[in-house]
N, C-alpha and C. Protein backbone atom coordinates (compact mmCIF):
# COMPACT_ATOMS: atom_id res chain seq x y z
N MET A 1 13.83 9.29 -10.35
CA MET A 1 14.06 10.14 -9.06
C MET A 1 12.44 9.53 -8.50
N TYR A 2 12.66 8.49 -7.30
CA TYR A 2 11.56 8.19 -6.57
C TYR A 2 11.85 8.63 -4.94
N GLU A 3 10.45 8.62 -4.86
CA GLU A 3 10.55 9.84 -3.41
C GLU A 3 10.01 8.37 -1.98
N THR A 4 10.04 8.36 -0.77
CA THR A 4 9.80 7.59 -0.04
C THR A 4 8.21 7.10 -0.67
N ALA A 5 7.32 8.14 -1.02
CA ALA A 5 5.84 7.94 -1.33
C ALA A 5 5.84 7.02 -2.06
N ASP A 6 7.01 6.01 -3.43
CA ASP A 6 6.51 5.51 -4.20
C ASP A 6 7.16 4.12 -3.86
N PHE A 7 7.58 3.99 -2.78
CA PHE A 7 8.40 2.70 -2.45
C PHE A 7 7.04 1.43 -2.35
N LYS A 8 7.95 0.38 -3.09
CA LYS A 8 6.85 -1.11 -2.96
C LYS A 8 8.30 -2.00 -2.81
N LYS A 9 7.46 -2.72 -2.32
CA LYS A 9 8.42 -4.11 -2.56
C LYS A 9 9.03 -4.49 -3.88
N GLY A 10 9.73 -5.06 -4.45
CA GLY A 10 11.18 -4.85 -5.40
C GLY A 10 12.39 -3.66 -6.18
N LEU A 11 11.26 -2.68 -5.65
CA LEU A 11 11.27 -1.31 -6.04
C LEU A 11 13.54 -1.48 -5.99
N ARG A 12 13.79 -1.03 -7.14
CA ARG A 12 15.27 -0.73 -7.05
C ARG A 12 15.73 0.82 -6.86
N ILE A 13 16.68 1.47 -6.02
CA ILE A 13 16.76 2.66 -5.99
C ILE A 13 18.49 2.55 -5.25
N MET A 14 19.12 3.56 -5.55
CA MET A 14 20.36 4.10 -5.10
C MET A 14 20.55 4.81 -4.11
N VAL A 15 21.45 4.22 -2.80
CA VAL A 15 21.61 4.79 -0.96
C VAL A 15 23.05 5.01 -1.18
N GLU A 16 23.77 5.92 -1.35
CA GLU A 16 25.07 6.23 -1.07
C GLU A 16 25.93 5.62 -2.39
N GLY A 17 25.16 6.02 -3.85
CA GLY A 17 26.21 5.36 -4.32
C GLY A 17 26.16 4.09 -4.81
N ASN A 18 25.01 3.14 -4.29
CA ASN A 18 24.89 1.62 -4.37
C ASN A 18 23.69 0.87 -4.85
N PRO A 19 23.47 0.81 -5.66
CA PRO A 19 21.66 0.26 -6.34
C PRO A 19 21.45 -1.25 -5.25
N TYR A 20 20.35 -0.80 -4.46
CA TYR A 20 19.65 -1.68 -3.46
C TYR A 20 18.49 -2.09 -3.86
N GLN A 21 17.48 -3.31 -3.39
CA GLN A 21 15.95 -3.59 -3.72
C GLN A 21 15.36 -3.64 -2.41
N ILE A 22 14.43 -2.71 -2.53
CA ILE A 22 13.92 -3.02 -1.35
C ILE A 22 12.98 -4.43 -1.25
N ILE A 23 13.33 -4.77 -0.09
CA ILE A 23 12.89 -5.77 0.64
C ILE A 23 11.14 -6.07 0.95
N ASP A 24 11.29 -4.97 2.02
CA ASP A 24 10.08 -4.71 2.85
C ASP A 24 10.36 -3.48 3.64
N PHE A 25 9.14 -2.06 3.48
CA PHE A 25 9.27 -1.02 4.28
C PHE A 25 8.04 -1.34 4.83
N GLN A 26 7.40 -0.03 5.62
CA GLN A 26 6.76 0.08 6.67
C GLN A 26 6.57 1.52 6.76
N HIS A 27 5.56 2.04 6.17
CA HIS A 27 5.07 3.86 6.63
C HIS A 27 5.02 4.08 7.37
N VAL A 28 5.85 4.86 8.31
CA VAL A 28 5.24 5.43 9.87
C VAL A 28 4.60 6.79 10.16
N LYS A 29 3.51 7.04 10.70
CA LYS A 29 3.16 8.18 11.14
C LYS A 29 2.59 8.48 12.20
N PRO A 30 3.20 9.10 13.10
CA PRO A 30 3.67 9.46 14.27
C PRO A 30 2.49 9.92 14.60
N GLY A 31 2.20 10.33 16.30
CA GLY A 31 1.38 11.19 16.40
C GLY A 31 2.05 12.48 16.26
N LYS A 32 2.93 12.82 16.82
CA LYS A 32 4.06 14.12 17.01
C LYS A 32 5.24 13.73 16.17
N GLY A 33 5.37 14.82 15.42
CA GLY A 33 6.61 14.74 14.51
C GLY A 33 6.24 14.34 13.29
N ASN A 34 7.41 14.01 12.29
CA ASN A 34 7.52 13.69 10.88
C ASN A 34 6.97 12.32 10.81
N GLN A 35 6.64 12.08 9.46
CA GLN A 35 6.02 10.96 8.89
C GLN A 35 7.93 10.29 8.35
N PHE A 36 7.99 8.93 8.47
CA PHE A 36 9.04 8.16 8.06
C PHE A 36 9.01 6.73 7.67
N SER A 37 10.34 6.11 7.18
CA SER A 37 9.73 5.10 6.42
C SER A 37 10.77 4.03 6.98
N ARG A 38 10.46 3.25 7.39
CA ARG A 38 11.67 2.07 8.23
C ARG A 38 11.84 1.26 6.60
N THR A 39 12.80 0.94 6.28
CA THR A 39 12.95 -0.05 5.65
C THR A 39 14.07 -1.09 5.42
N LYS A 40 13.89 -2.32 4.47
CA LYS A 40 14.82 -3.37 4.34
C LYS A 40 15.25 -3.50 3.22
N MET A 41 16.05 -3.42 2.81
CA MET A 41 16.94 -3.53 1.76
C MET A 41 17.97 -4.37 1.32
N ARG A 42 18.16 -5.04 0.03
CA ARG A 42 19.73 -5.79 -0.53
C ARG A 42 20.17 -5.10 -1.22
N ASN A 43 21.48 -5.05 -0.95
CA ASN A 43 22.48 -4.52 -1.93
C ASN A 43 22.73 -5.72 -3.21
N LEU A 44 22.20 -4.92 -4.54
CA LEU A 44 22.61 -6.04 -5.42
C LEU A 44 24.00 -6.02 -6.25
N LEU A 45 24.90 -5.85 -5.12
CA LEU A 45 26.58 -5.99 -6.06
C LEU A 45 26.80 -7.17 -4.77
N THR A 46 26.55 -6.39 -3.69
CA THR A 46 27.19 -7.85 -2.29
C THR A 46 26.24 -8.96 -1.45
N GLY A 47 24.66 -8.55 -2.06
CA GLY A 47 23.43 -9.76 -1.32
C GLY A 47 23.72 -8.94 -0.12
N SER A 48 24.42 -8.12 1.00
CA SER A 48 24.09 -8.04 2.11
C SER A 48 22.75 -7.34 2.24
N LEU A 49 22.22 -7.35 3.52
CA LEU A 49 21.08 -6.41 3.94
C LEU A 49 21.53 -5.01 4.55
N LEU A 50 20.27 -4.55 4.43
CA LEU A 50 20.47 -3.09 5.05
C LEU A 50 19.15 -2.69 5.45
N GLU A 51 18.86 -2.50 7.03
CA GLU A 51 17.87 -1.75 6.79
C GLU A 51 18.11 -0.36 7.97
N ARG A 52 16.97 0.96 7.12
CA ARG A 52 18.09 2.34 6.91
C ARG A 52 16.37 3.09 7.34
N THR A 53 16.02 3.96 8.30
CA THR A 53 15.30 4.42 7.87
C THR A 53 15.46 6.43 7.18
N PHE A 54 14.14 6.58 6.37
CA PHE A 54 14.00 7.79 5.86
C PHE A 54 13.26 8.59 6.12
N LYS A 55 13.54 9.82 6.06
CA LYS A 55 12.28 10.38 6.13
C LYS A 55 11.26 11.30 4.97
N SER A 56 10.22 11.21 5.17
CA SER A 56 9.16 11.39 4.49
C SER A 56 9.75 12.48 3.39
N GLY A 57 9.59 12.15 1.72
CA GLY A 57 9.62 12.98 1.60
C GLY A 57 11.28 13.01 0.34
N GLU A 58 11.97 12.30 0.96
CA GLU A 58 13.47 11.76 0.30
C GLU A 58 13.52 11.55 -0.66
N ARG A 59 14.59 12.06 -1.86
CA ARG A 59 14.78 11.64 -3.26
C ARG A 59 15.81 10.63 -3.44
N PHE A 60 15.30 9.45 -4.30
CA PHE A 60 16.61 8.18 -4.44
C PHE A 60 16.84 8.54 -6.07
N GLU A 61 17.84 8.23 -6.84
CA GLU A 61 17.82 8.01 -7.93
C GLU A 61 17.61 6.67 -9.12
N VAL A 62 17.35 6.74 -9.90
CA VAL A 62 17.19 5.42 -10.39
C VAL A 62 18.49 4.75 -10.99
N PRO A 63 18.27 3.53 -10.82
CA PRO A 63 20.18 2.65 -10.42
C PRO A 63 20.21 1.92 -12.16
N ASN A 64 21.07 2.18 -12.82
CA ASN A 64 20.75 1.53 -14.09
C ASN A 64 21.29 -0.09 -14.37
N VAL A 65 20.20 -0.77 -14.25
CA VAL A 65 20.12 -2.23 -14.00
C VAL A 65 19.06 -2.52 -14.84
N GLU A 66 19.57 -3.76 -15.33
CA GLU A 66 19.22 -4.36 -16.55
C GLU A 66 18.24 -5.66 -15.87
N ASN A 67 16.75 -6.12 -15.92
CA ASN A 67 16.32 -6.99 -15.79
C ASN A 67 16.40 -8.05 -16.85
N LYS A 68 17.07 -9.31 -16.91
CA LYS A 68 16.75 -10.00 -18.04
C LYS A 68 16.35 -11.62 -17.87
N GLU A 69 14.99 -12.23 -18.45
CA GLU A 69 14.53 -13.52 -17.91
C GLU A 69 15.76 -14.09 -18.71
N MET A 70 16.03 -15.28 -18.80
CA MET A 70 16.81 -16.63 -19.45
C MET A 70 16.36 -17.92 -18.92
N THR A 71 16.93 -18.75 -20.02
CA THR A 71 16.20 -20.03 -19.50
C THR A 71 17.93 -21.06 -19.78
N PHE A 72 17.51 -21.77 -19.05
CA PHE A 72 19.18 -22.65 -18.59
C PHE A 72 19.19 -23.78 -19.48
N LEU A 73 19.38 -24.65 -20.56
CA LEU A 73 19.29 -25.94 -20.83
C LEU A 73 20.89 -26.89 -20.10
């Protein structure tokens, strides 16, 4: 399980049952209110971009994704 504090570029998380890869994120600490993270993510199945704001402390599942390095001849 990942939390918003674990966010970094390239991290893969499950959001609403779909695997996403974090492209960019910004951790925001406003003077009034709770902390939150603005994230830009790419859907690993469709390739579409999603911008979403998450509250601090939200948890996300680890997707079942394999990364293989290959050489094409």
